[in-house]
Structures are given as structure tokens and as C-alpha cells.
Amino acid sequence: MSKPMQAGVQSVENGLDLMLIVAHNRRPMKITDIAEKAGIAPSKAHRYLVSFMRTGFITQDAETGLYGMGRVALEFSLSCLATIEPISLATKEAERLCLEVGHTVAISVWGSFGPTVVRWEQPNRPVMVNVGLGSVFPLYRSATGRVFAAFMDAEAIQAYMDSADSLDRRESNKETVEQVRKRGMARAEGDFMSGMSAFAAPVYDDRGRLVLAMTVLDYKTNFDHRWNGDVARALRLAAGRVSADLGRPAIAAGRLR
């Protein structure tokens, strides 16, 4: 016999439904569009949005009047992601890797908008770039993105591509997805961020599914770009250890060309 549904607060449920509409739209929205999708009057939608803006879950652009997700919503989602075991394990490994190679290390998962940074470990000499927690890497124009393009479930990638901007539809002219698959990791030299270089490697669970990507990045002048260099080798071993902790055999370090 099924349990009877417990009583709740209808206005809270309605408000959360409205906030999810904004979150899933990927781009800022007009209040009329939000109200239409929610099936309520714009005046009612406005009252909900005002409350969400006061608490930081929703933000409104002062010039356009469009509504989007706020800082508190980002912090909330990142806190939820942080409780997931793969991220917890990868965070510890990222801290060790950052100390070992002396470069910034990022952990990214597949989010609603693509490869999303959920951890950002900085050395004593941090890189000054407009990337950090919550940032989304382009799928083909970054080493991190190409790892997801190469090893992520094909249906998820296709769904993303169907809604992605035109700039994210082109593969890099420096590295193809097929090359990433053959090498087992990706490399970027200024593709996405001018003057920056990066290596990115996949982390798998016990069923061989990609769960996250680990990325080492720094200024090009301070970076070892060799496939068989210290940075690439250390990253491969670190990603392999996290995969092993999740039940997948560690990938032996090898020479890459």
C-alpha cells in the first residue's frame, strides 16, 4: 500500500518550478516568457521573482530587465555537487597535483550548460584569468571540453550541440576529438584563453563512464607542453588514481606522441 502524499507548501513548490524554468533556459529571460512557461500571470511571476532576487537565487540585468540565475543559486548547486563522491576524491588528488606541478588544477563535471568547473586549486603563483568556480568551458575550443566531447555519452553531447552556440560547433584546428581518444587526454595551447596552456584528462567510474575531467593549466611560458613531460605524466597518474578509487583500474603512464 502506497503512503499518502504529505501536505506541503504550494507556493514554495510553484516558486521552485518558476526558478527551474529560468535555470533550464540557459539564457536570461523576459518576465512574459517566464510567466507563459509557468502558466501564470506576469504579475504573479514578478512577485516570485522579487523574492528570489532578494535571496540571491535570481538576478535581473539593470539594462535589459532580463532575469537569470544569481550567485546564491550557483553556490547552492556547487555545494550539492561537492557532496558527490567522485568530486570529493578528485579534490584531494587535485590538491596534491597542484603542489606537485606548481600549476592551477581544475575539476569539471558535465553540467546543464556543458563542462562546468566545480573545484579550482591554485598554487602560490596563481593564474589571473576570468575562469573559476562555475565557469563553463567550450566543448571544442578547450582541452577540458574536448575530453568531454571524446569520452562523454554520445546522446548527451548531441543534445548539447543541438542547443550550443555556433562557435562551439567547430572542432579545434590544433586537436581533434579522435586524437584525444587515441591519446587518452587533451592539450590546449591558447585555443580558448590567449596565452594559456592546459592538459586535461578523464576520470571514470567503475562502469567505465566519464564522471569528470581534471585539468592542469598555466601561462604558456611556464608550461611543459610535452606529451611525455612531467605535467602530462603527473596528470595522467592523478586521474588514474581517482578512477581506481572509483572502481576502475588505474591507467598506466605511457609515452604520448
Protein backbone atom coordinates (compact mmCIF):
# COMPACT_ATOMS: atom_id res chain seq x y z
CA MET A 1 0.00 0.00 0.00
CA SER A 2 1.47 3.34 -1.01
CA LYS A 3 1.99 6.05 1.55
CA PRO A 4 -0.35 9.07 1.33
CA MET A 5 1.26 12.21 -0.09
CA GLN A 6 2.32 14.55 2.68
CA ALA A 7 0.99 18.10 2.78
CA GLY A 8 3.38 20.78 1.58
CA VAL A 9 3.51 24.48 0.85
CA GLN A 10 2.07 25.01 -2.62
CA SER A 11 3.55 28.48 -3.05
CA VAL A 12 7.05 27.14 -2.40
CA GLU A 13 6.58 24.41 -4.98
CA ASN A 14 5.24 26.92 -7.52
CA GLY A 15 8.16 29.25 -6.88
CA LEU A 16 10.72 26.49 -7.34
CA ASP A 17 9.05 25.45 -10.59
CA LEU A 18 9.40 29.03 -11.82
CA MET A 19 13.07 29.19 -10.80
CA LEU A 20 13.77 25.93 -12.65
CA ILE A 21 12.30 27.47 -15.80
CA VAL A 22 14.91 30.22 -15.59
CA ALA A 23 17.70 27.74 -14.81
CA HIS A 24 16.88 25.40 -17.69
CA ASN A 25 16.54 28.14 -20.29
CA ARG A 26 20.35 28.62 -20.44
CA ARG A 27 19.95 32.35 -21.23
CA PRO A 28 18.33 35.31 -19.41
CA MET A 29 14.58 35.55 -19.95
CA LYS A 30 11.83 38.13 -20.23
CA ILE A 31 9.27 38.04 -17.46
CA THR A 32 6.50 37.45 -20.01
CA ASP A 33 8.27 34.33 -21.29
CA ILE A 34 8.81 33.05 -17.75
CA ALA A 35 5.16 33.60 -16.88
CA GLU A 36 3.99 31.91 -20.08
CA LYS A 37 6.10 28.80 -19.45
CA ALA A 38 4.93 28.68 -15.82
CA GLY A 39 1.30 29.14 -16.83
CA ILE A 40 0.74 32.13 -14.53
CA ALA A 41 0.16 35.84 -14.92
CA PRO A 42 3.25 38.09 -15.30
CA SER A 43 2.22 39.99 -12.14
CA LYS A 44 2.30 36.77 -10.12
CA ALA A 45 5.59 35.71 -11.67
CA HIS A 46 7.02 39.11 -10.74
CA ARG A 47 6.21 38.58 -7.05
CA TYR A 48 8.04 35.27 -7.03
CA LEU A 49 11.00 36.75 -8.87
CA VAL A 50 11.28 39.65 -6.44
CA SER A 51 11.55 37.19 -3.54
CA PHE A 52 14.16 35.13 -5.36
CA MET A 53 16.15 38.27 -6.18
CA ARG A 54 16.12 39.31 -2.52
CA THR A 55 17.62 35.96 -1.56
CA GLY A 56 20.15 35.95 -4.41
CA PHE A 57 18.78 32.98 -6.34
CA ILE A 58 17.67 35.13 -9.27
CA THR A 59 19.27 38.24 -10.73
CA GLN A 60 17.91 40.90 -13.09
CA ASP A 61 20.00 42.81 -15.59
CA ALA A 62 19.63 46.51 -14.88
CA GLU A 63 19.78 47.47 -18.57
CA THR A 64 17.79 44.74 -20.31
CA GLY A 65 15.46 43.76 -17.49
CA LEU A 66 16.09 40.08 -18.26
CA TYR A 67 16.14 37.51 -15.46
CA GLY A 68 18.86 34.92 -14.90
CA MET A 69 20.32 32.74 -12.15
CA GLY A 70 22.02 34.52 -9.26
CA ARG A 71 25.15 33.93 -7.22
CA VAL A 72 23.37 32.10 -4.39
CA ALA A 73 21.90 29.62 -6.88
CA LEU A 74 25.41 28.92 -8.16
CA GLU A 75 26.77 28.44 -4.65
CA PHE A 76 23.86 26.14 -3.83
CA SER A 77 24.39 23.95 -6.89
CA LEU A 78 28.15 23.75 -6.31
CA SER A 79 27.57 22.75 -2.67
CA CYS A 80 25.29 19.94 -3.84
CA LEU A 81 27.87 18.76 -6.36
CA ALA A 82 30.59 18.82 -3.70
CA THR A 83 28.85 16.03 -1.79
CA ILE A 84 29.21 13.63 -4.72
CA GLU A 85 31.93 11.08 -4.07
CA PRO A 86 33.89 11.46 -7.35
CA ILE A 87 34.31 15.19 -6.75
CA SER A 88 35.38 14.64 -3.15
CA LEU A 89 38.02 12.12 -4.22
CA ALA A 90 39.19 14.24 -7.13
CA THR A 91 39.51 17.31 -4.91
CA LYS A 92 42.06 15.59 -2.67
CA GLU A 93 44.01 14.43 -5.71
CA ALA A 94 43.82 17.91 -7.26
CA GLU A 95 45.33 19.44 -4.14
CA ARG A 96 48.29 17.03 -4.32
CA LEU A 97 48.67 17.55 -8.06
CA CYS A 98 48.67 21.34 -7.68
CA LEU A 99 51.53 21.12 -5.18
CA GLU A 100 53.43 18.64 -7.34
CA VAL A 101 53.37 20.53 -10.65
CA GLY A 102 53.01 24.09 -9.33
CA HIS A 103 50.14 24.88 -11.72
CA THR A 104 46.43 25.57 -11.32
CA VAL A 105 44.26 22.44 -11.30
CA ALA A 106 40.55 22.48 -12.19
CA ILE A 107 37.93 19.79 -11.73
CA SER A 108 34.99 19.94 -14.14
CA VAL A 109 31.77 17.96 -14.45
CA TRP A 110 29.09 17.89 -17.11
CA GLY A 111 26.50 20.47 -16.06
CA SER A 112 23.37 21.94 -17.61
CA PHE A 113 25.47 24.30 -19.74
CA GLY A 114 28.38 21.98 -20.57
CA PRO A 115 31.78 21.31 -18.89
CA THR A 116 31.48 23.21 -15.61
CA VAL A 117 34.28 23.96 -13.10
CA VAL A 118 33.41 22.74 -9.58
CA ARG A 119 36.87 22.89 -7.99
CA TRP A 120 39.73 25.31 -8.59
CA GLU A 121 43.09 24.69 -6.86
CA GLN A 122 45.65 27.48 -7.11
CA PRO A 123 49.43 27.34 -6.43
CA ASN A 124 51.35 30.11 -4.67
CA ARG A 125 51.68 31.82 -8.06
CA PRO A 126 48.07 31.78 -9.30
CA VAL A 127 46.99 32.40 -12.87
CA MET A 128 44.98 35.56 -13.43
CA VAL A 129 42.22 34.52 -15.83
CA ASN A 130 38.49 35.07 -15.99
CA VAL A 131 37.82 31.41 -15.12
CA GLY A 132 36.88 29.91 -11.77
CA LEU A 133 34.15 28.07 -9.91
CA GLY A 134 31.04 27.83 -12.04
CA SER A 135 32.81 28.72 -15.29
CA VAL A 136 31.82 26.72 -18.36
CA PHE A 137 34.49 25.59 -20.82
CA PRO A 138 33.61 25.46 -24.54
CA LEU A 139 33.26 21.92 -25.83
CA TYR A 140 35.71 22.04 -28.73
CA ARG A 141 37.85 25.10 -28.02
CA SER A 142 39.31 23.92 -24.71
CA ALA A 143 41.22 20.87 -23.51
CA THR A 144 38.61 20.26 -20.82
CA GLY A 145 35.77 20.45 -23.31
CA ARG A 146 37.45 18.08 -25.74
CA VAL A 147 37.79 15.45 -23.01
CA PHE A 148 34.00 15.53 -22.59
CA ALA A 149 33.47 15.57 -26.36
CA ALA A 150 35.68 12.49 -26.71
CA PHE A 151 34.51 10.36 -23.78
CA MET A 152 31.06 11.60 -22.77
CA ASP A 153 27.88 9.74 -23.67
CA ALA A 154 27.16 10.49 -27.32
CA GLU A 155 23.50 11.32 -26.70
CA ALA A 156 24.39 13.93 -24.09
CA ILE A 157 26.89 15.54 -26.45
CA GLN A 158 24.38 15.61 -29.29
CA ALA A 159 21.74 17.20 -27.08
CA TYR A 160 24.27 19.86 -26.09
CA MET A 161 25.29 20.50 -29.68
CA ASP A 162 21.67 20.93 -30.73
CA SER A 163 21.43 23.91 -28.38
CA ALA A 164 25.02 25.19 -28.34
CA ASP A 165 26.24 28.46 -29.83
CA SER A 166 27.74 28.34 -33.31
CA LEU A 167 31.27 28.97 -32.01
CA ASP A 168 31.10 25.70 -30.09
CA ARG A 169 30.21 23.66 -33.16
CA ARG A 170 33.67 23.75 -34.68
CA GLU A 171 36.46 21.42 -33.68
CA SER A 172 39.83 22.92 -32.80
CA ASN A 173 42.26 23.21 -35.68
CA LYS A 174 45.00 22.09 -33.29
CA GLU A 175 43.49 18.90 -31.88
CA THR A 176 40.59 16.69 -32.91
CA VAL A 177 38.32 14.58 -30.74
CA GLU A 178 39.70 11.46 -32.39
CA GLN A 179 43.23 12.46 -31.36
CA VAL A 180 42.01 12.92 -27.80
CA ARG A 181 40.55 9.40 -27.80
CA LYS A 182 43.81 7.90 -29.09
CA ARG A 183 45.97 9.75 -26.58
CA GLY A 184 43.60 9.43 -23.64
CA MET A 185 43.88 13.13 -22.80
CA ALA A 186 43.69 16.57 -24.40
CA ARG A 187 46.07 19.50 -24.77
CA ALA A 188 45.37 23.17 -25.45
CA GLU A 189 47.80 25.92 -26.40
CA GLY A 190 45.91 29.19 -26.39
CA ASP A 191 42.78 27.77 -28.08
CA PHE A 192 40.28 29.12 -25.57
CA MET A 193 42.33 31.52 -23.43
CA SER A 194 45.04 33.51 -25.17
CA GLY A 195 48.46 32.99 -23.60
CA MET A 196 47.34 29.94 -21.63
CA SER A 197 48.10 26.24 -22.00
CA ALA A 198 46.46 23.17 -20.49
CA PHE A 199 46.32 19.40 -20.28
CA ALA A 200 43.04 17.67 -19.40
CA ALA A 201 42.42 14.03 -18.52
CA PRO A 202 39.25 11.97 -17.97
CA VAL A 203 38.17 10.27 -14.74
CA TYR A 204 35.93 7.18 -14.98
CA ASP A 205 33.71 5.29 -12.57
CA ASP A 206 33.57 1.52 -12.02
CA ARG A 207 31.41 1.09 -15.13
CA GLY A 208 33.80 2.97 -17.37
CA ARG A 209 31.66 6.08 -17.61
CA LEU A 210 33.22 9.54 -17.69
CA VAL A 211 32.36 11.33 -14.45
CA LEU A 212 34.66 14.36 -14.52
CA ALA A 213 37.75 15.89 -16.05
CA MET A 214 40.93 17.05 -14.31
CA THR A 215 42.77 19.94 -15.95
CA VAL A 216 46.19 21.48 -15.33
CA LEU A 217 46.61 24.98 -16.74
CA ASP A 218 49.04 27.88 -16.62
CA TYR A 219 50.69 30.56 -18.74
CA LYS A 220 52.29 29.16 -21.90
CA THR A 221 55.74 30.44 -20.98
CA ASN A 222 55.74 28.44 -17.73
CA PHE A 223 54.19 25.24 -19.06
CA ASP A 224 55.68 21.91 -20.13
CA HIS A 225 53.76 21.13 -23.34
CA ARG A 226 55.40 17.74 -23.97
CA TRP A 227 53.05 14.77 -24.11
CA ASN A 228 55.62 12.74 -22.20
CA GLY A 229 56.69 15.61 -19.94
CA ASP A 230 56.32 15.90 -16.18
CA VAL A 231 52.99 17.78 -16.26
CA ALA A 232 51.23 15.38 -18.63
CA ARG A 233 52.56 12.35 -16.77
CA ALA A 234 51.57 13.66 -13.34
CA LEU A 235 48.06 14.48 -14.56
CA ARG A 236 47.53 11.07 -16.13
CA LEU A 237 48.63 9.35 -12.93
CA ALA A 238 46.41 11.58 -10.77
CA ALA A 239 43.34 10.99 -12.95
CA GLY A 240 44.13 7.29 -12.99
CA ARG A 241 44.27 7.14 -9.19
CA VAL A 242 40.87 8.81 -8.87
CA SER A 243 39.43 6.38 -11.41
CA ALA A 244 40.95 3.49 -9.47
CA ASP A 245 39.39 4.78 -6.24
CA LEU A 246 36.05 4.78 -8.05
CA GLY A 247 36.50 1.15 -9.07
CA ARG A 248 38.23 1.40 -12.44
CA PRO A 249 41.78 0.02 -12.84
CA ALA A 250 44.40 2.77 -12.91
CA ILE A 251 45.74 3.72 -16.35
CA ALA A 252 49.44 3.16 -16.61
CA ALA A 253 51.50 6.18 -17.57
CA GLY A 254 52.98 5.90 -21.04
CA ARG A 255 54.71 7.96 -23.65
CA LEU A 256 52.43 10.01 -25.83
CA ARG A 257 53.21 11.49 -29.19
